[in-house]
PDB file of all heavy atoms in Angstrom:
ATOM      1  N   GLU A   1       0.845  -1.201  -0.001  1.00  0.00           N
ATOM      2  CA  GLU A   1      -0.001   0.000   0.000  1.00  0.00           C
ATOM      3  C   GLU A   1       0.877   1.248  -0.001  1.00  0.00           C
ATOM      4  O   GLU A   1       2.033   1.226   0.440  1.00  0.00           O
ATOM      5  CB  GLU A   1      -0.926  -0.013   1.223  1.00  0.00           C
ATOM      6  CG  GLU A   1      -1.951   1.096   1.272  1.00  0.00           C
ATOM      7  CD  GLU A   1      -2.793   1.183   0.009  1.00  0.00           C
ATOM      8  OE1 GLU A   1      -3.853   0.522  -0.055  1.00  0.00           O
ATOM      9  OE2 GLU A   1      -2.376   1.927  -0.907  1.00  0.00           O
ATOM     10  N   ASN A   2       0.317   2.328  -0.481  1.00  0.00           N
ATOM     11  CA  ASN A   2       0.992   3.617  -0.520  1.00  0.00           C
ATOM     12  C   ASN A   2       1.288   4.129   0.887  1.00  0.00           C
ATOM     13  O   ASN A   2       0.475   3.987   1.801  1.00  0.00           O
ATOM     14  CB  ASN A   2       0.109   4.609  -1.274  1.00  0.00           C
ATOM     15  CG  ASN A   2       0.567   6.036  -1.131  1.00  0.00           C
ATOM     16  OD1 ASN A   2       0.019   6.776  -0.314  1.00  0.00           O
ATOM     17  ND2 ASN A   2       1.563   6.434  -1.894  1.00  0.00           N
ATOM     18  N   ASP A   3       2.460   4.769   1.060  1.00  0.00           N
ATOM     19  CA  ASP A   3       2.882   5.196   2.387  1.00  0.00           C
ATOM     20  C   ASP A   3       1.981   6.274   2.988  1.00  0.00           C
ATOM     21  O   ASP A   3       1.689   6.225   4.201  1.00  0.00           O
ATOM     22  CB  ASP A   3       4.345   5.651   2.374  1.00  0.00           C
ATOM     23  CG  ASP A   3       4.644   6.717   1.314  1.00  0.00           C
ATOM     24  OD1 ASP A   3       3.717   7.124   0.590  1.00  0.00           O
ATOM     25  OD2 ASP A   3       5.818   7.121   1.204  1.00  0.00           O
ATOM     26  N   CYS A   4       1.508   7.226   2.178  1.00  0.00           N
ATOM     27  CA  CYS A   4       0.624   8.273   2.725  1.00  0.00           C
ATOM     28  C   CYS A   4      -0.682   7.680   3.240  1.00  0.00           C
ATOM     29  O   CYS A   4      -1.198   8.092   4.287  1.00  0.00           O
ATOM     30  CB  CYS A   4       0.328   9.320   1.665  1.00  0.00           C
ATOM     31  SG  CYS A   4       1.747  10.307   1.157  1.00  0.00           S
ATOM     32  N   LYS A   5      -1.206   6.728   2.508  1.00  0.00           N
ATOM     33  CA  LYS A   5      -2.462   6.099   2.919  1.00  0.00           C
ATOM     34  C   LYS A   5      -2.275   5.343   4.231  1.00  0.00           C
ATOM     35  O   LYS A   5      -3.137   5.371   5.124  1.00  0.00           O
ATOM     36  CB  LYS A   5      -2.970   5.188   1.815  1.00  0.00           C
ATOM     37  CG  LYS A   5      -3.404   5.940   0.555  1.00  0.00           C
ATOM     38  CD  LYS A   5      -3.852   4.991  -0.525  1.00  0.00           C
ATOM     39  CE  LYS A   5      -4.414   5.742  -1.744  1.00  0.00           C
ATOM     40  NZ  LYS A   5      -3.438   6.640  -2.383  1.00  0.00           N
ATOM     41  N   LEU A   6      -1.154   4.649   4.364  1.00  0.00           N
ATOM     42  CA  LEU A   6      -0.885   3.922   5.603  1.00  0.00           C
ATOM     43  C   LEU A   6      -0.696   4.882   6.773  1.00  0.00           C
ATOM     44  O   LEU A   6      -1.158   4.612   7.887  1.00  0.00           O
ATOM     45  CB  LEU A   6       0.346   3.043   5.435  1.00  0.00           C
ATOM     46  CG  LEU A   6       0.191   1.869   4.463  1.00  0.00           C
ATOM     47  CD1 LEU A   6       1.512   1.116   4.325  1.00  0.00           C
ATOM     48  CD2 LEU A   6      -0.906   0.916   4.914  1.00  0.00           C
ATOM     49  N   ALA A   7      -0.025   5.996   6.532  1.00  0.00           N
ATOM     50  CA  ALA A   7       0.156   6.973   7.611  1.00  0.00           C
ATOM     51  C   ALA A   7      -1.187   7.527   8.069  1.00  0.00           C
ATOM     52  O   ALA A   7      -1.396   7.753   9.268  1.00  0.00           O
ATOM     53  CB  ALA A   7       1.073   8.100   7.132  1.00  0.00           C
ATOM     54  N   ALA A   8      -2.106   7.736   7.129  1.00  0.00           N
ATOM     55  CA  ALA A   8      -3.446   8.195   7.504  1.00  0.00           C
ATOM     56  C   ALA A   8      -4.141   7.171   8.399  1.00  0.00           C
ATOM     57  O   ALA A   8      -4.776   7.522   9.402  1.00  0.00           O
ATOM     58  CB  ALA A   8      -4.270   8.460   6.246  1.00  0.00           C
ATOM     59  N   LEU A   9      -4.023   5.888   8.039  1.00  0.00           N
ATOM     60  CA  LEU A   9      -4.600   4.827   8.869  1.00  0.00           C
ATOM     61  C   LEU A   9      -4.027   4.855  10.272  1.00  0.00           C
ATOM     62  O   LEU A   9      -4.737   4.703  11.270  1.00  0.00           O
ATOM     63  CB  LEU A   9      -4.316   3.456   8.241  1.00  0.00           C
ATOM     64  CG  LEU A   9      -5.254   2.915   7.179  1.00  0.00           C
ATOM     65  CD1 LEU A   9      -4.774   1.544   6.743  1.00  0.00           C
ATOM     66  CD2 LEU A   9      -6.683   2.837   7.699  1.00  0.00           C
ATOM     67  N   ALA A  10      -2.708   5.039  10.359  1.00  0.00           N
ATOM     68  CA  ALA A  10      -2.048   5.039  11.665  1.00  0.00           C
ATOM     69  C   ALA A  10      -2.524   6.188  12.530  1.00  0.00           C
ATOM     70  O   ALA A  10      -2.737   6.031  13.740  1.00  0.00           O
ATOM     71  CB  ALA A  10      -0.532   5.110  11.476  1.00  0.00           C
ATOM     72  N   GLU A  11      -2.701   7.370  11.931  1.00  0.00           N
ATOM     73  CA  GLU A  11      -3.143   8.524  12.718  1.00  0.00           C
ATOM     74  C   GLU A  11      -4.556   8.305  13.256  1.00  0.00           C
ATOM     75  O   GLU A  11      -4.882   8.746  14.360  1.00  0.00           O
ATOM     76  CB  GLU A  11      -3.095   9.791  11.865  1.00  0.00           C
ATOM     77  CG  GLU A  11      -1.690  10.236  11.474  1.00  0.00           C
ATOM     78  CD  GLU A  11      -0.824  10.651  12.648  1.00  0.00           C
ATOM     79  OE1 GLU A  11      -1.370  10.921  13.740  1.00  0.00           O
ATOM     80  OE2 GLU A  11       0.408  10.716  12.477  1.00  0.00           O
ATOM     81  N   ARG A  12      -5.393   7.626  12.503  1.00  0.00           N
ATOM     82  CA  ARG A  12      -6.740   7.350  13.000  1.00  0.00           C
ATOM     83  C   ARG A  12      -6.728   6.247  14.055  1.00  0.00           C
ATOM     84  O   ARG A  12      -7.563   6.221  14.966  1.00  0.00           O
ATOM     85  CB  ARG A  12      -7.658   6.945  11.849  1.00  0.00           C
ATOM     86  CG  ARG A  12      -9.110   6.743  12.283  1.00  0.00           C
ATOM     87  CD  ARG A  12     -10.024   6.576  11.088  1.00  0.00           C
ATOM     88  NE  ARG A  12     -11.419   6.549  11.502  1.00  0.00           N
ATOM     89  CZ  ARG A  12     -12.118   5.434  11.702  1.00  0.00           C
ATOM     90  NH1 ARG A  12     -11.567   4.247  11.499  1.00  0.00           N
ATOM     91  NH2 ARG A  12     -13.387   5.493  12.079  1.00  0.00           N
ATOM     92  N   TRP A  13      -5.780   5.320  13.948  1.00  0.00           N
ATOM     93  CA  TRP A  13      -5.706   4.193  14.867  1.00  0.00           C
ATOM     94  C   TRP A  13      -5.064   4.583  16.199  1.00  0.00           C
ATOM     95  O   TRP A  13      -5.642   4.350  17.263  1.00  0.00           O
ATOM     96  CB  TRP A  13      -4.896   3.075  14.201  1.00  0.00           C
ATOM     97  CG  TRP A  13      -4.701   1.831  15.019  1.00  0.00           C
ATOM     98  CD1 TRP A  13      -5.567   1.281  15.919  1.00  0.00           C
ATOM     99  CD2 TRP A  13      -3.543   0.990  15.015  1.00  0.00           C
ATOM    100  NE1 TRP A  13      -5.022   0.138  16.477  1.00  0.00           N
ATOM    101  CE2 TRP A  13      -3.795  -0.061  15.927  1.00  0.00           C
ATOM    102  CE3 TRP A  13      -2.343   1.012  14.300  1.00  0.00           C
ATOM    103  CZ2 TRP A  13      -2.848  -1.081  16.159  1.00  0.00           C
ATOM    104  CZ3 TRP A  13      -1.423  -0.003  14.524  1.00  0.00           C
ATOM    105  CH2 TRP A  13      -1.678  -1.037  15.457  1.00  0.00           C
ATOM    106  N   GLN A  14      -3.908   5.215  16.129  1.00  0.00           N
ATOM    107  CA  GLN A  14      -3.155   5.495  17.354  1.00  0.00           C
ATOM    108  C   GLN A  14      -2.662   6.931  17.459  1.00  0.00           C
ATOM    109  O   GLN A  14      -1.981   7.266  18.422  1.00  0.00           O
ATOM    110  CB  GLN A  14      -1.928   4.563  17.438  1.00  0.00           C
ATOM    111  CG  GLN A  14      -2.256   3.106  17.621  1.00  0.00           C
ATOM    112  CD  GLN A  14      -1.018   2.266  17.886  1.00  0.00           C
ATOM    113  OE1 GLN A  14       0.108   2.765  17.905  1.00  0.00           O
ATOM    114  NE2 GLN A  14      -1.205   0.980  18.102  1.00  0.00           N
ATOM    115  N   GLY A  15      -2.987   7.763  16.493  1.00  0.00           N
ATOM    116  CA  GLY A  15      -2.371   9.077  16.444  1.00  0.00           C
ATOM    117  C   GLY A  15      -3.299  10.241  16.719  1.00  0.00           C
ATOM    118  O   GLY A  15      -4.161  10.191  17.600  1.00  0.00           O
ATOM    119  N   ALA A  16      -3.153  11.290  15.907  1.00  0.00           N
ATOM    120  CA  ALA A  16      -3.804  12.560  16.183  1.00  0.00           C
ATOM    121  C   ALA A  16      -5.262  12.610  15.761  1.00  0.00           C
ATOM    122  O   ALA A  16      -5.957  13.570  16.091  1.00  0.00           O
ATOM    123  CB  ALA A  16      -3.038  13.677  15.465  1.00  0.00           C
ATOM    124  N   ALA A  17      -5.752  11.600  15.047  1.00  0.00           N
ATOM    125  CA  ALA A  17      -7.118  11.662  14.517  1.00  0.00           C
ATOM    126  C   ALA A  17      -7.977  10.492  14.981  1.00  0.00           C
ATOM    127  O   ALA A  17      -8.860  10.029  14.254  1.00  0.00           O
ATOM    128  CB  ALA A  17      -7.071  11.710  12.990  1.00  0.00           C
ATOM    129  N   ARG A  18      -7.762  10.026  16.196  1.00  0.00           N
ATOM    130  CA  ARG A  18      -8.518   8.874  16.695  1.00  0.00           C
ATOM    131  C   ARG A  18     -10.004   9.151  16.869  1.00  0.00           C
ATOM    132  O   ARG A  18     -10.802   8.228  16.940  1.00  0.00           O
ATOM    133  CB  ARG A  18      -7.910   8.400  18.021  1.00  0.00           C
ATOM    134  CG  ARG A  18      -6.641   7.585  17.838  1.00  0.00           C
ATOM    135  CD  ARG A  18      -6.039   7.171  19.157  1.00  0.00           C
ATOM    136  NE  ARG A  18      -5.315   8.263  19.772  1.00  0.00           N
ATOM    137  CZ  ARG A  18      -4.560   8.136  20.857  1.00  0.00           C
ATOM    138  NH1 ARG A  18      -4.473   6.956  21.458  1.00  0.00           N
ATOM    139  NH2 ARG A  18      -3.910   9.170  21.352  1.00  0.00           N
ATOM    140  N   ASP A  19     -10.372  10.414  16.946  1.00  0.00           N
ATOM    141  CA  ASP A  19     -11.780  10.767  17.148  1.00  0.00           C
ATOM    142  C   ASP A  19     -12.479  11.149  15.853  1.00  0.00           C
ATOM    143  O   ASP A  19     -13.619  11.635  15.881  1.00  0.00           O
ATOM    144  CB  ASP A  19     -11.877  11.936  18.126  1.00  0.00           C
ATOM    145  CG  ASP A  19     -11.162  13.182  17.621  1.00  0.00           C
ATOM    146  OD1 ASP A  19     -10.241  13.046  16.775  1.00  0.00           O
ATOM    147  OD2 ASP A  19     -11.499  14.294  18.066  1.00  0.00           O
ATOM    148  N   ALA A  20     -11.838  10.941  14.702  1.00  0.00           N
ATOM    149  CA  ALA A  20     -12.386  11.438  13.440  1.00  0.00           C
ATOM    150  C   ALA A  20     -12.606  10.309  12.445  1.00  0.00           C
ATOM    151  O   ALA A  20     -11.870   9.317  12.426  1.00  0.00           O
ATOM    152  CB  ALA A  20     -11.447  12.482  12.836  1.00  0.00           C
ATOM    153  N   ASP A  21     -13.625  10.475  11.594  1.00  0.00           N
ATOM    154  CA  ASP A  21     -13.901   9.532  10.514  1.00  0.00           C
ATOM    155  C   ASP A  21     -13.593  10.114   9.140  1.00  0.00           C
ATOM    156  O   ASP A  21     -13.519   9.379   8.155  1.00  0.00           O
ATOM    157  CB  ASP A  21     -15.374   9.095  10.543  1.00  0.00           C
ATOM    158  CG  ASP A  21     -15.682   8.154  11.692  1.00  0.00           C
ATOM    159  OD1 ASP A  21     -14.750   7.463  12.161  1.00  0.00           O
ATOM    160  OD2 ASP A  21     -16.838   8.122  12.141  1.00  0.00           O
ATOM    161  N   ASP A  22     -13.437  11.439   9.079  1.00  0.00           N
ATOM    162  CA  ASP A  22     -13.157  12.111   7.805  1.00  0.00           C
ATOM    163  C   ASP A  22     -11.850  12.883   7.966  1.00  0.00           C
ATOM    164  O   ASP A  22     -11.808  13.927   8.642  1.00  0.00           O
ATOM    165  CB  ASP A  22     -14.304  13.045   7.435  1.00  0.00           C
ATOM    166  CG  ASP A  22     -15.599  12.279   7.196  1.00  0.00           C
ATOM    167  OD1 ASP A  22     -15.769  11.759   6.080  1.00  0.00           O
ATOM    168  OD2 ASP A  22     -16.413  12.172   8.139  1.00  0.00           O
ATOM    169  N   ILE A  23     -10.806  12.376   7.320  1.00  0.00           N
ATOM    170  CA  ILE A  23      -9.446  12.848   7.592  1.00  0.00           C
ATOM    171  C   ILE A  23      -8.696  13.058   6.289  1.00  0.00           C
ATOM    172  O   ILE A  23      -8.758  12.229   5.375  1.00  0.00           O
ATOM    173  CB  ILE A  23      -8.675  11.808   8.438  1.00  0.00           C
ATOM    174  CG1 ILE A  23      -9.423  11.485   9.739  1.00  0.00           C
ATOM    175  CG2 ILE A  23      -7.252  12.269   8.735  1.00  0.00           C
ATOM    176  CD1 ILE A  23      -9.033  10.148  10.329  1.00  0.00           C
ATOM    177  N   VAL A  24      -7.990  14.164   6.211  1.00  0.00           N
ATOM    178  CA  VAL A  24      -6.975  14.355   5.177  1.00  0.00           C
ATOM    179  C   VAL A  24      -5.619  14.342   5.877  1.00  0.00           C
ATOM    180  O   VAL A  24      -5.387  15.140   6.787  1.00  0.00           O
ATOM    181  CB  VAL A  24      -7.173  15.674   4.411  1.00  0.00           C
ATOM    182  CG1 VAL A  24      -5.930  15.984   3.563  1.00  0.00           C
ATOM    183  CG2 VAL A  24      -8.395  15.590   3.511  1.00  0.00           C
ATOM    184  N   TYR A  25      -4.767  13.425   5.473  1.00  0.00           N
ATOM    185  CA  TYR A  25      -3.411  13.359   6.018  1.00  0.00           C
ATOM    186  C   TYR A  25      -2.465  13.979   5.002  1.00  0.00           C
ATOM    187  O   TYR A  25      -2.444  13.590   3.827  1.00  0.00           O
ATOM    188  CB  TYR A  25      -3.017  11.904   6.276  1.00  0.00           C
ATOM    189  CG  TYR A  25      -1.557  11.743   6.664  1.00  0.00           C
ATOM    190  CD1 TYR A  25      -1.163  11.841   7.993  1.00  0.00           C
ATOM    191  CD2 TYR A  25      -0.582  11.495   5.699  1.00  0.00           C
ATOM    192  CE1 TYR A  25       0.175  11.701   8.354  1.00  0.00           C
ATOM    193  CE2 TYR A  25       0.752  11.352   6.051  1.00  0.00           C
ATOM    194  CZ  TYR A  25       1.124  11.465   7.376  1.00  0.00           C
ATOM    195  OH  TYR A  25       2.444  11.331   7.719  1.00  0.00           O
ATOM    196  N   LEU A  26      -1.686  14.974   5.428  1.00  0.00           N
ATOM    197  CA  LEU A  26      -0.712  15.624   4.563  1.00  0.00           C
ATOM    198  C   LEU A  26       0.683  15.146   4.924  1.00  0.00           C
ATOM    199  O   LEU A  26       1.144  15.358   6.055  1.00  0.00           O
ATOM    200  CB  LEU A  26      -0.787  17.147   4.725  1.00  0.00           C
ATOM    201  CG  LEU A  26      -2.110  17.832   4.378  1.00  0.00           C
ATOM    202  CD1 LEU A  26      -2.009  19.329   4.661  1.00  0.00           C
ATOM    203  CD2 LEU A  26      -2.488  17.581   2.925  1.00  0.00           C
ATOM    204  N   LEU A  27       1.329  14.486   3.992  1.00  0.00           N
ATOM    205  CA  LEU A  27       2.729  14.126   4.170  1.00  0.00           C
ATOM    206  C   LEU A  27       3.556  15.332   3.757  1.00  0.00           C
ATOM    207  O   LEU A  27       3.579  15.719   2.582  1.00  0.00           O
ATOM    208  CB  LEU A  27       3.100  12.928   3.301  1.00  0.00           C
ATOM    209  CG  LEU A  27       4.577  12.535   3.339  1.00  0.00           C
ATOM    210  CD1 LEU A  27       4.898  11.836   4.649  1.00  0.00           C
ATOM    211  CD2 LEU A  27       4.934  11.641   2.166  1.00  0.00           C
ATOM    212  N   ALA A  28       4.211  15.967   4.725  1.00  0.00           N
ATOM    213  CA  ALA A  28       4.995  17.165   4.465  1.00  0.00           C
ATOM    214  C   ALA A  28       6.464  16.876   4.741  1.00  0.00           C
ATOM    215  O   ALA A  28       6.868  16.673   5.881  1.00  0.00           O
ATOM    216  CB  ALA A  28       4.504  18.329   5.334  1.00  0.00           C
ATOM    217  N   GLY A  29       7.221  16.846   3.677  1.00  0.00           N
ATOM    218  CA  GLY A  29       8.657  16.625   3.778  1.00  0.00           C
ATOM    219  C   GLY A  29       9.294  17.076   2.481  1.00  0.00           C
ATOM    220  O   GLY A  29       8.760  17.952   1.786  1.00  0.00           O
ATOM    221  N   MET A  30      10.418  16.509   2.124  1.00  0.00           N
ATOM    222  CA  MET A  30      11.009  16.833   0.829  1.00  0.00           C
ATOM    223  C   MET A  30      10.160  16.296  -0.308  1.00  0.00           C
ATOM    224  O   MET A  30      10.428  16.572  -1.479  1.00  0.00           O
ATOM    225  CB  MET A  30      12.436  16.292   0.753  1.00  0.00           C
ATOM    226  CG  MET A  30      13.364  16.885   1.804  1.00  0.00           C
ATOM    227  SD  MET A  30      13.270  18.696   1.934  1.00  0.00           S
ATOM    228  CE  MET A  30      13.910  19.181   0.339  1.00  0.00           C
ATOM    229  N   ARG A  31       9.154  15.540   0.017  1.00  0.00           N
ATOM    230  CA  ARG A  31       8.120  15.110  -0.924  1.00  0.00           C
ATOM    231  C   ARG A  31       6.777  15.343  -0.250  1.00  0.00           C
ATOM    232  O   ARG A  31       6.631  15.112   0.954  1.00  0.00           O
ATOM    233  CB  ARG A  31       8.299  13.621  -1.258  1.00  0.00           C
ATOM    234  CG  ARG A  31       7.208  13.021  -2.125  1.00  0.00           C
ATOM    235  CD  ARG A  31       7.512  11.547  -2.391  1.00  0.00           C
ATOM    236  NE  ARG A  31       7.487  10.766  -1.169  1.00  0.00           N
ATOM    237  CZ  ARG A  31       6.397  10.185  -0.670  1.00  0.00           C
ATOM    238  NH1 ARG A  31       5.247  10.335  -1.295  1.00  0.00           N
ATOM    239  NH2 ARG A  31       6.452   9.475   0.427  1.00  0.00           N
ATOM    240  N   LEU A  32       5.805  15.835  -1.009  1.00  0.00           N
ATOM    241  CA  LEU A  32       4.473  16.083  -0.459  1.00  0.00           C
ATOM    242  C   LEU A  32       3.489  15.054  -1.005  1.00  0.00           C
ATOM    243  O   LEU A  32       3.571  14.645  -2.157  1.00  0.00           O
ATOM    244  CB  LEU A  32       3.982  17.489  -0.831  1.00  0.00           C
ATOM    245  CG  LEU A  32       4.867  18.660  -0.402  1.00  0.00           C
ATOM    246  CD1 LEU A  32       4.187  19.983  -0.741  1.00  0.00           C
ATOM    247  CD2 LEU A  32       5.175  18.601   1.084  1.00  0.00           C
ATOM    248  N   GLY A  33       2.572  14.638  -0.164  1.00  0.00           N
ATOM    249  CA  GLY A  33       1.559  13.676  -0.573  1.00  0.00           C
ATOM    250  C   GLY A  33       0.387  13.735   0.375  1.00  0.00           C
ATOM    251  O   GLY A  33       0.388  14.490   1.355  1.00  0.00           O
TER     252      GLY A  33
END
């Protein structure tokens, strides 16, 4: 699976968005996604 999509899953599971069902995860680094 794509890394940005997996990071979004992780934030909903154990991270900053555990209380949300509608989430946009922004990968911000030397590459954006």
